Amino acid sequence: MLGLVLFFVGAVLCLNGLWLLGRIGDNEISIINYLVGGITLVACLVLAFGPGADAASIKAAALTLLFTFTYLWVAINRSNGADGRGLGWFSLFVALTAVPVTLQTLAGADSTWGYWFGFSWAAWGVLWFMFFLLLAMKKPIARLVGGLTLAEGVLTGWVPGYLLLNGLLK
């Protein structure tokens, strides 16, 4: 399931990056955010409440819900015209949460994949912090955040998701 989720996280991050760079309109970007928010929500429900759910799968669901809520909030903000300050403050919460998750993931890493996942959490934490600065603090960094979002979409989502889906990463 991780390959599926990462593949679509890659898609939404790439498109959100393009949106921040002015290549996709406000009215159109909500479509991919609703789709990926829905996909990750279903994955979370399976992880948390499906057969064989345990503490590890519930933790994975809780952490994945951070992504789900972000994408759905972006989509809703594009629909209702909100300025994004609330999402910015939520992004700070997620960025702070990503610090111990990164440290725990790296401490438990015993493979290239484990280290990649830890460094991905660090990258996502930086990105969420940048969204806090952009949305809540109103810093003029949209182009920087757009470029970083696009790059992280490729490197932390799209490529590893594709490799996982094709059995090239374990």
C-alpha atoms as a PDB file:
ATOM      1  CA  MET A   1       0.000   0.000   0.000  1.00  0.00           C
ATOM      2  CA  LEU A   2       2.951   2.345   0.634  1.00  0.00           C
ATOM      3  CA  GLY A   3       3.845   2.338  -3.073  1.00  0.00           C
ATOM      4  CA  LEU A   4       0.311   3.424  -4.011  1.00  0.00           C
ATOM      5  CA  VAL A   5       0.257   6.186  -1.413  1.00  0.00           C
ATOM      6  CA  LEU A   6       3.722   7.513  -2.244  1.00  0.00           C
ATOM      7  CA  PHE A   7       3.023   7.451  -5.979  1.00  0.00           C
ATOM      8  CA  PHE A   8      -0.018   9.686  -5.540  1.00  0.00           C
ATOM      9  CA  VAL A   9       1.689  11.838  -2.897  1.00  0.00           C
ATOM     10  CA  GLY A  10       4.330  12.423  -5.559  1.00  0.00           C
ATOM     11  CA  ALA A  11       1.648  13.461  -8.030  1.00  0.00           C
ATOM     12  CA  VAL A  12      -0.054  15.891  -5.659  1.00  0.00           C
ATOM     13  CA  LEU A  13       3.235  17.423  -4.514  1.00  0.00           C
ATOM     14  CA  CYS A  14       4.410  17.894  -8.106  1.00  0.00           C
ATOM     15  CA  LEU A  15       1.139  19.527  -9.113  1.00  0.00           C
ATOM     16  CA  ASN A  16       0.958  21.664  -5.970  1.00  0.00           C
ATOM     17  CA  GLY A  17       4.501  22.810  -6.730  1.00  0.00           C
ATOM     18  CA  LEU A  18       3.464  23.757 -10.256  1.00  0.00           C
ATOM     19  CA  TRP A  19       0.428  25.546  -8.827  1.00  0.00           C
ATOM     20  CA  LEU A  20       2.634  27.592  -6.477  1.00  0.00           C
ATOM     21  CA  LEU A  21       4.818  28.434  -9.474  1.00  0.00           C
ATOM     22  CA  GLY A  22       1.742  29.790 -11.289  1.00  0.00           C
ATOM     23  CA  ARG A  23       1.425  26.974 -13.832  1.00  0.00           C
ATOM     24  CA  ILE A  24      -1.937  25.639 -12.573  1.00  0.00           C
ATOM     25  CA  GLY A  25      -4.947  27.762 -11.618  1.00  0.00           C
ATOM     26  CA  ASP A  26      -6.546  27.994  -8.183  1.00  0.00           C
ATOM     27  CA  ASN A  27      -9.833  26.538  -9.400  1.00  0.00           C
ATOM     28  CA  GLU A  28      -8.183  23.453 -10.881  1.00  0.00           C
ATOM     29  CA  ILE A  29      -5.652  22.381  -8.228  1.00  0.00           C
ATOM     30  CA  SER A  30      -8.318  21.189  -5.807  1.00  0.00           C
ATOM     31  CA  ILE A  31      -9.097  18.147  -7.992  1.00  0.00           C
ATOM     32  CA  ILE A  32      -5.793  16.331  -7.331  1.00  0.00           C
ATOM     33  CA  ASN A  33      -5.839  17.375  -3.672  1.00  0.00           C
ATOM     34  CA  TYR A  34      -9.300  15.859  -3.164  1.00  0.00           C
ATOM     35  CA  LEU A  35      -8.264  12.688  -5.019  1.00  0.00           C
ATOM     36  CA  VAL A  36      -5.046  12.122  -3.060  1.00  0.00           C
ATOM     37  CA  GLY A  37      -6.710  13.163   0.195  1.00  0.00           C
ATOM     38  CA  GLY A  38      -9.326  10.489  -0.491  1.00  0.00           C
ATOM     39  CA  ILE A  39      -6.769   7.818  -1.429  1.00  0.00           C
ATOM     40  CA  THR A  40      -4.696   8.438   1.676  1.00  0.00           C
ATOM     41  CA  LEU A  41      -7.831   8.552   3.852  1.00  0.00           C
ATOM     42  CA  VAL A  42      -8.882   5.105   2.628  1.00  0.00           C
ATOM     43  CA  ALA A  43      -5.343   3.800   3.239  1.00  0.00           C
ATOM     44  CA  CYS A  44      -5.465   5.215   6.772  1.00  0.00           C
ATOM     45  CA  LEU A  45      -8.811   3.577   7.487  1.00  0.00           C
ATOM     46  CA  VAL A  46      -7.477   0.212   6.332  1.00  0.00           C
ATOM     47  CA  LEU A  47      -4.297   0.635   8.397  1.00  0.00           C
ATOM     48  CA  ALA A  48      -6.124   1.724  11.537  1.00  0.00           C
ATOM     49  CA  PHE A  49      -9.231  -0.439  11.414  1.00  0.00           C
ATOM     50  CA  GLY A  50      -8.534  -3.251   8.957  1.00  0.00           C
ATOM     51  CA  PRO A  51      -7.779  -6.859   9.765  1.00  0.00           C
ATOM     52  CA  GLY A  52      -4.477  -7.190  11.556  1.00  0.00           C
ATOM     53  CA  ALA A  53      -4.395  -3.566  12.718  1.00  0.00           C
ATOM     54  CA  ASP A  54      -1.809  -3.168  15.448  1.00  0.00           C
ATOM     55  CA  ALA A  55       0.094  -0.360  17.161  1.00  0.00           C
ATOM     56  CA  ALA A  56       2.497   0.038  14.214  1.00  0.00           C
ATOM     57  CA  SER A  57      -0.270   0.243  11.604  1.00  0.00           C
ATOM     58  CA  ILE A  58      -2.263   2.675  13.739  1.00  0.00           C
ATOM     59  CA  LYS A  59       0.850   4.873  14.090  1.00  0.00           C
ATOM     60  CA  ALA A  60       1.329   4.718  10.299  1.00  0.00           C
ATOM     61  CA  ALA A  61      -2.312   5.751   9.850  1.00  0.00           C
ATOM     62  CA  ALA A  62      -1.949   8.659  12.280  1.00  0.00           C
ATOM     63  CA  LEU A  63       1.138   9.948  10.497  1.00  0.00           C
ATOM     64  CA  THR A  64      -0.395   9.489   7.048  1.00  0.00           C
ATOM     65  CA  LEU A  65      -3.441  11.449   8.185  1.00  0.00           C
ATOM     66  CA  LEU A  66      -1.142  14.462   8.476  1.00  0.00           C
ATOM     67  CA  PHE A  67      -0.752  14.281   4.685  1.00  0.00           C
ATOM     68  CA  THR A  68      -4.458  13.534   4.148  1.00  0.00           C
ATOM     69  CA  PHE A  69      -5.596  16.517   6.149  1.00  0.00           C
ATOM     70  CA  THR A  70      -3.101  18.817   4.422  1.00  0.00           C
ATOM     71  CA  TYR A  71      -4.317  17.862   0.931  1.00  0.00           C
ATOM     72  CA  LEU A  72      -7.995  18.100   1.850  1.00  0.00           C
ATOM     73  CA  TRP A  73      -7.403  21.477   3.519  1.00  0.00           C
ATOM     74  CA  VAL A  74      -5.647  22.804   0.401  1.00  0.00           C
ATOM     75  CA  ALA A  75      -8.590  21.614  -1.728  1.00  0.00           C
ATOM     76  CA  ILE A  76     -11.199  23.138   0.569  1.00  0.00           C
ATOM     77  CA  ASN A  77      -9.287  26.434   0.766  1.00  0.00           C
ATOM     78  CA  ARG A  78      -9.276  26.633  -3.029  1.00  0.00           C
ATOM     79  CA  SER A  79     -13.042  26.054  -2.997  1.00  0.00           C
ATOM     80  CA  ASN A  80     -13.959  28.531  -0.261  1.00  0.00           C
ATOM     81  CA  GLY A  81     -11.358  31.247  -0.883  1.00  0.00           C
ATOM     82  CA  ALA A  82      -9.733  31.029   2.558  1.00  0.00           C
ATOM     83  CA  ASP A  83      -6.336  32.722   2.872  1.00  0.00           C
ATOM     84  CA  GLY A  84      -4.582  29.625   4.230  1.00  0.00           C
ATOM     85  CA  ARG A  85      -3.475  30.951   7.623  1.00  0.00           C
ATOM     86  CA  GLY A  86      -5.142  28.046   9.435  1.00  0.00           C
ATOM     87  CA  LEU A  87      -3.413  25.571   7.134  1.00  0.00           C
ATOM     88  CA  GLY A  88      -0.158  27.414   7.814  1.00  0.00           C
ATOM     89  CA  TRP A  89      -0.503  26.909  11.566  1.00  0.00           C
ATOM     90  CA  PHE A  90      -1.440  23.260  11.025  1.00  0.00           C
ATOM     91  CA  SER A  91       1.701  22.973   8.903  1.00  0.00           C
ATOM     92  CA  LEU A  92       3.772  24.166  11.871  1.00  0.00           C
ATOM     93  CA  PHE A  93       2.193  21.438  14.023  1.00  0.00           C
ATOM     94  CA  VAL A  94       3.093  18.861  11.381  1.00  0.00           C
ATOM     95  CA  ALA A  95       6.635  20.229  10.929  1.00  0.00           C
ATOM     96  CA  LEU A  96       7.230  19.933  14.672  1.00  0.00           C
ATOM     97  CA  THR A  97       5.769  16.417  14.679  1.00  0.00           C
ATOM     98  CA  ALA A  98       8.128  15.476  11.841  1.00  0.00           C
ATOM     99  CA  VAL A  99      11.197  16.137  14.022  1.00  0.00           C
ATOM    100  CA  PRO A 100      10.785  13.155  16.383  1.00  0.00           C
ATOM    101  CA  VAL A 101       9.389  11.016  13.560  1.00  0.00           C
ATOM    102  CA  THR A 102      12.539  11.717  11.538  1.00  0.00           C
ATOM    103  CA  LEU A 103      14.801  10.927  14.492  1.00  0.00           C
ATOM    104  CA  GLN A 104      12.921   7.702  15.348  1.00  0.00           C
ATOM    105  CA  THR A 105      12.901   6.580  11.727  1.00  0.00           C
ATOM    106  CA  LEU A 106      16.617   7.212  11.266  1.00  0.00           C
ATOM    107  CA  ALA A 107      17.462   5.575  14.621  1.00  0.00           C
ATOM    108  CA  GLY A 108      15.599   2.440  13.569  1.00  0.00           C
ATOM    109  CA  ALA A 109      16.916   2.381   9.990  1.00  0.00           C
ATOM    110  CA  ASP A 110      18.762  -0.771   8.995  1.00  0.00           C
ATOM    111  CA  SER A 111      18.595  -0.488   5.212  1.00  0.00           C
ATOM    112  CA  THR A 112      18.877   2.035   2.409  1.00  0.00           C
ATOM    113  CA  TRP A 113      15.084   2.184   2.359  1.00  0.00           C
ATOM    114  CA  GLY A 114      14.946   2.934   6.102  1.00  0.00           C
ATOM    115  CA  TYR A 115      17.427   5.781   5.766  1.00  0.00           C
ATOM    116  CA  TRP A 116      15.607   7.107   2.692  1.00  0.00           C
ATOM    117  CA  PHE A 117      12.338   7.105   4.643  1.00  0.00           C
ATOM    118  CA  GLY A 118      13.962   8.972   7.548  1.00  0.00           C
ATOM    119  CA  PHE A 119      15.451  11.591   5.253  1.00  0.00           C
ATOM    120  CA  SER A 120      12.083  11.892   3.497  1.00  0.00           C
ATOM    121  CA  TRP A 121      10.456  12.706   6.828  1.00  0.00           C
ATOM    122  CA  ALA A 122      13.115  15.384   7.354  1.00  0.00           C
ATOM    123  CA  ALA A 123      12.399  16.803   3.880  1.00  0.00           C
ATOM    124  CA  TRP A 124       8.642  16.757   4.474  1.00  0.00           C
ATOM    125  CA  GLY A 125       9.158  18.503   7.812  1.00  0.00           C
ATOM    126  CA  VAL A 126      11.135  21.266   6.115  1.00  0.00           C
ATOM    127  CA  LEU A 127       8.432  21.588   3.469  1.00  0.00           C
ATOM    128  CA  TRP A 128       5.645  21.844   6.057  1.00  0.00           C
ATOM    129  CA  PHE A 129       7.705  24.479   7.903  1.00  0.00           C
ATOM    130  CA  MET A 130       8.044  26.409   4.648  1.00  0.00           C
ATOM    131  CA  PHE A 131       4.253  26.247   4.249  1.00  0.00           C
ATOM    132  CA  PHE A 132       3.939  27.675   7.755  1.00  0.00           C
ATOM    133  CA  LEU A 133       6.205  30.577   6.762  1.00  0.00           C
ATOM    134  CA  LEU A 134       4.331  31.118   3.489  1.00  0.00           C
ATOM    135  CA  LEU A 135       0.769  30.824   4.774  1.00  0.00           C
ATOM    136  CA  ALA A 136       0.743  31.823   8.446  1.00  0.00           C
ATOM    137  CA  MET A 137       3.667  34.261   8.504  1.00  0.00           C
ATOM    138  CA  LYS A 138       2.911  35.577   4.979  1.00  0.00           C
ATOM    139  CA  LYS A 139       6.567  35.438   3.881  1.00  0.00           C
ATOM    140  CA  PRO A 140       7.023  36.094   0.121  1.00  0.00           C
ATOM    141  CA  ILE A 141       8.528  32.676  -0.617  1.00  0.00           C
ATOM    142  CA  ALA A 142       5.923  31.110  -2.922  1.00  0.00           C
ATOM    143  CA  ARG A 143       8.411  30.423  -5.735  1.00  0.00           C
ATOM    144  CA  LEU A 144      10.916  28.821  -3.363  1.00  0.00           C
ATOM    145  CA  VAL A 145       8.195  26.706  -1.743  1.00  0.00           C
ATOM    146  CA  GLY A 146       6.825  25.786  -5.175  1.00  0.00           C
ATOM    147  CA  GLY A 147      10.214  24.588  -6.390  1.00  0.00           C
ATOM    148  CA  LEU A 148      10.850  22.629  -3.191  1.00  0.00           C
ATOM    149  CA  THR A 149       7.380  21.072  -3.348  1.00  0.00           C
ATOM    150  CA  LEU A 150       7.956  19.982  -6.936  1.00  0.00           C
ATOM    151  CA  ALA A 151      11.389  18.518  -6.144  1.00  0.00           C
ATOM    152  CA  GLU A 152      10.115  16.659  -3.083  1.00  0.00           C
ATOM    153  CA  GLY A 153       7.205  15.335  -5.120  1.00  0.00           C
ATOM    154  CA  VAL A 154       9.625  13.682  -7.500  1.00  0.00           C
ATOM    155  CA  LEU A 155      12.251  12.528  -4.977  1.00  0.00           C
ATOM    156  CA  THR A 156      10.145  11.519  -1.962  1.00  0.00           C
ATOM    157  CA  GLY A 157       6.941  10.398  -3.648  1.00  0.00           C
ATOM    158  CA  TRP A 158       6.756   9.746  -7.350  1.00  0.00           C
ATOM    159  CA  VAL A 159      10.042   7.869  -7.926  1.00  0.00           C
ATOM    160  CA  PRO A 160      10.030   5.731  -4.757  1.00  0.00           C
ATOM    161  CA  GLY A 161       6.301   5.056  -5.134  1.00  0.00           C
ATOM    162  CA  TYR A 162       6.818   3.887  -8.700  1.00  0.00           C
ATOM    163  CA  LEU A 163       9.763   1.708  -7.665  1.00  0.00           C
ATOM    164  CA  LEU A 164       7.747   0.153  -4.845  1.00  0.00           C
ATOM    165  CA  LEU A 165       4.779  -0.517  -7.131  1.00  0.00           C
ATOM    166  CA  ASN A 166       7.095  -2.329  -9.536  1.00  0.00           C
ATOM    167  CA  GLY A 167       8.835  -4.401  -6.865  1.00  0.00           C
ATOM    168  CA  LEU A 168      12.148  -2.632  -7.352  1.00  0.00           C
ATOM    169  CA  LEU A 169      12.332  -1.488  -3.705  1.00  0.00           C
ATOM    170  CA  LYS A 170      11.636  -3.616  -0.703  1.00  0.00           C
END
